Amino acid sequence: MNWQEFFAMGGYGFYVWTAYGITFIVLVANVVVPIVQRKQFLRQQALKQQRQDL
């Protein structure tokens, strides 16, 4: 078996690699989105605290 056959996966390569790609994107999003939301939340809370201190 060579690499071309491996990536072709018996003619189903497009579907298999597309599924892997979508899965990878979802997993990355599941890590990145909460981090971004946490930063936004902390920034909002800091601004809220500054307004209350005035």
N, C-alpha and C. Protein backbone atom coordinates (compact mmCIF):
# COMPACT_ATOMS: atom_id res chain seq x y z
N MET A 1 0.86 -1.18 0.00
CA MET A 1 0.00 0.00 0.00
C MET A 1 0.90 1.24 0.00
N ASN A 2 0.60 2.19 -0.86
CA ASN A 2 1.35 3.44 -0.88
C ASN A 2 0.48 4.56 -0.31
N TRP A 3 1.06 5.74 -0.21
CA TRP A 3 0.36 6.86 0.41
C TRP A 3 -0.88 7.29 -0.39
N GLN A 4 -0.77 7.23 -1.71
CA GLN A 4 -1.90 7.63 -2.55
C GLN A 4 -3.11 6.73 -2.29
N GLU A 5 -2.87 5.43 -2.18
CA GLU A 5 -3.96 4.50 -1.87
C GLU A 5 -4.52 4.75 -0.47
N PHE A 6 -3.61 5.06 0.45
CA PHE A 6 -4.06 5.34 1.82
C PHE A 6 -4.99 6.54 1.86
N PHE A 7 -4.60 7.63 1.19
CA PHE A 7 -5.43 8.83 1.20
C PHE A 7 -6.70 8.66 0.38
N ALA A 8 -6.69 7.81 -0.62
CA ALA A 8 -7.89 7.57 -1.43
C ALA A 8 -8.89 6.71 -0.67
N MET A 9 -8.42 5.84 0.20
CA MET A 9 -9.24 4.97 1.03
C MET A 9 -10.29 4.22 0.22
N GLY A 10 -9.86 3.61 -0.83
CA GLY A 10 -10.76 2.79 -1.63
C GLY A 10 -11.86 3.57 -2.31
N GLY A 11 -11.62 4.84 -2.60
CA GLY A 11 -12.63 5.67 -3.26
C GLY A 11 -13.47 6.49 -2.31
N TYR A 12 -13.32 6.25 -1.00
CA TYR A 12 -14.10 6.97 -0.01
C TYR A 12 -13.29 8.05 0.70
N GLY A 13 -12.12 8.33 0.21
CA GLY A 13 -11.21 9.28 0.86
C GLY A 13 -11.81 10.66 1.06
N PHE A 14 -12.52 11.17 0.06
CA PHE A 14 -13.11 12.51 0.19
C PHE A 14 -14.04 12.58 1.39
N TYR A 15 -14.90 11.58 1.53
CA TYR A 15 -15.87 11.58 2.63
C TYR A 15 -15.19 11.38 3.99
N VAL A 16 -14.22 10.49 4.00
CA VAL A 16 -13.51 10.20 5.26
C VAL A 16 -12.72 11.42 5.71
N TRP A 17 -11.94 12.03 4.81
CA TRP A 17 -11.11 13.16 5.19
C TRP A 17 -11.96 14.40 5.49
N THR A 18 -13.10 14.53 4.81
CA THR A 18 -14.02 15.63 5.14
C THR A 18 -14.57 15.45 6.55
N ALA A 19 -14.93 14.23 6.90
CA ALA A 19 -15.44 13.95 8.25
C ALA A 19 -14.36 14.23 9.30
N TYR A 20 -13.12 13.81 9.01
CA TYR A 20 -12.03 14.11 9.94
C TYR A 20 -11.82 15.61 10.07
N GLY A 21 -11.88 16.33 8.97
CA GLY A 21 -11.70 17.78 9.01
C GLY A 21 -12.77 18.48 9.82
N ILE A 22 -14.02 18.11 9.60
CA ILE A 22 -15.12 18.72 10.36
C ILE A 22 -14.99 18.40 11.84
N THR A 23 -14.64 17.17 12.15
CA THR A 23 -14.46 16.78 13.55
C THR A 23 -13.34 17.59 14.20
N PHE A 24 -12.24 17.75 13.49
CA PHE A 24 -11.12 18.53 14.02
C PHE A 24 -11.54 19.98 14.28
N ILE A 25 -12.28 20.57 13.34
CA ILE A 25 -12.73 21.96 13.50
C ILE A 25 -13.63 22.09 14.73
N VAL A 26 -14.54 21.14 14.93
CA VAL A 26 -15.44 21.18 16.08
C VAL A 26 -14.66 21.04 17.38
N LEU A 27 -13.69 20.14 17.41
CA LEU A 27 -12.89 19.96 18.63
C LEU A 27 -12.08 21.22 18.95
N VAL A 28 -11.51 21.84 17.94
CA VAL A 28 -10.76 23.08 18.17
C VAL A 28 -11.70 24.18 18.66
N ALA A 29 -12.89 24.28 18.07
CA ALA A 29 -13.87 25.28 18.49
C ALA A 29 -14.29 25.05 19.94
N ASN A 30 -14.40 23.79 20.35
CA ASN A 30 -14.78 23.48 21.73
C ASN A 30 -13.72 23.91 22.74
N VAL A 31 -12.51 24.11 22.29
CA VAL A 31 -11.45 24.59 23.17
C VAL A 31 -11.35 26.12 23.09
N VAL A 32 -11.43 26.68 21.89
CA VAL A 32 -11.18 28.11 21.69
C VAL A 32 -12.35 28.97 22.16
N VAL A 33 -13.57 28.60 21.87
CA VAL A 33 -14.73 29.43 22.18
C VAL A 33 -14.84 29.72 23.68
N PRO A 34 -14.73 28.74 24.58
CA PRO A 34 -14.79 29.08 26.01
C PRO A 34 -13.68 30.02 26.47
N ILE A 35 -12.50 29.89 25.89
CA ILE A 35 -11.39 30.78 26.26
C ILE A 35 -11.72 32.21 25.87
N VAL A 36 -12.23 32.39 24.66
CA VAL A 36 -12.60 33.73 24.20
C VAL A 36 -13.73 34.30 25.04
N GLN A 37 -14.73 33.48 25.34
CA GLN A 37 -15.86 33.94 26.15
C GLN A 37 -15.41 34.32 27.56
N ARG A 38 -14.47 33.56 28.12
CA ARG A 38 -13.96 33.88 29.46
C ARG A 38 -13.25 35.23 29.47
N LYS A 39 -12.43 35.48 28.44
CA LYS A 39 -11.73 36.76 28.35
C LYS A 39 -12.72 37.91 28.23
N GLN A 40 -13.76 37.74 27.42
CA GLN A 40 -14.77 38.78 27.28
C GLN A 40 -15.50 39.02 28.59
N PHE A 41 -15.83 37.94 29.29
CA PHE A 41 -16.53 38.06 30.56
C PHE A 41 -15.67 38.81 31.59
N LEU A 42 -14.41 38.44 31.67
CA LEU A 42 -13.52 39.10 32.63
C LEU A 42 -13.34 40.57 32.28
N ARG A 43 -13.24 40.89 30.99
CA ARG A 43 -13.11 42.28 30.55
C ARG A 43 -14.38 43.06 30.94
N GLN A 44 -15.54 42.48 30.73
CA GLN A 44 -16.80 43.14 31.08
C GLN A 44 -16.90 43.37 32.59
N GLN A 45 -16.47 42.39 33.36
CA GLN A 45 -16.53 42.52 34.81
C GLN A 45 -15.57 43.59 35.31
N ALA A 46 -14.40 43.70 34.68
CA ALA A 46 -13.44 44.73 35.06
C ALA A 46 -14.00 46.12 34.75
N LEU A 47 -14.63 46.27 33.59
CA LEU A 47 -15.24 47.56 33.26
C LEU A 47 -16.38 47.90 34.21
N LYS A 48 -17.15 46.90 34.57
CA LYS A 48 -18.26 47.10 35.51
C LYS A 48 -17.72 47.54 36.88
N GLN A 49 -16.63 46.92 37.31
CA GLN A 49 -16.02 47.27 38.58
C GLN A 49 -15.47 48.69 38.55
N GLN A 50 -14.88 49.09 37.43
CA GLN A 50 -14.35 50.44 37.30
C GLN A 50 -15.47 51.47 37.39
N ARG A 51 -16.61 51.17 36.76
CA ARG A 51 -17.74 52.11 36.81
C ARG A 51 -18.28 52.24 38.23
N GLN A 52 -18.28 51.13 38.97
CA GLN A 52 -18.79 51.18 40.33
C GLN A 52 -17.84 51.91 41.26
N ASP A 53 -16.55 51.87 40.96
CA ASP A 53 -15.56 52.55 41.82
C ASP A 53 -15.59 54.05 41.64
N LEU A 54 -16.16 54.54 40.55
CA LEU A 54 -16.21 55.98 40.33
C LEU A 54 -17.27 56.55 41.19
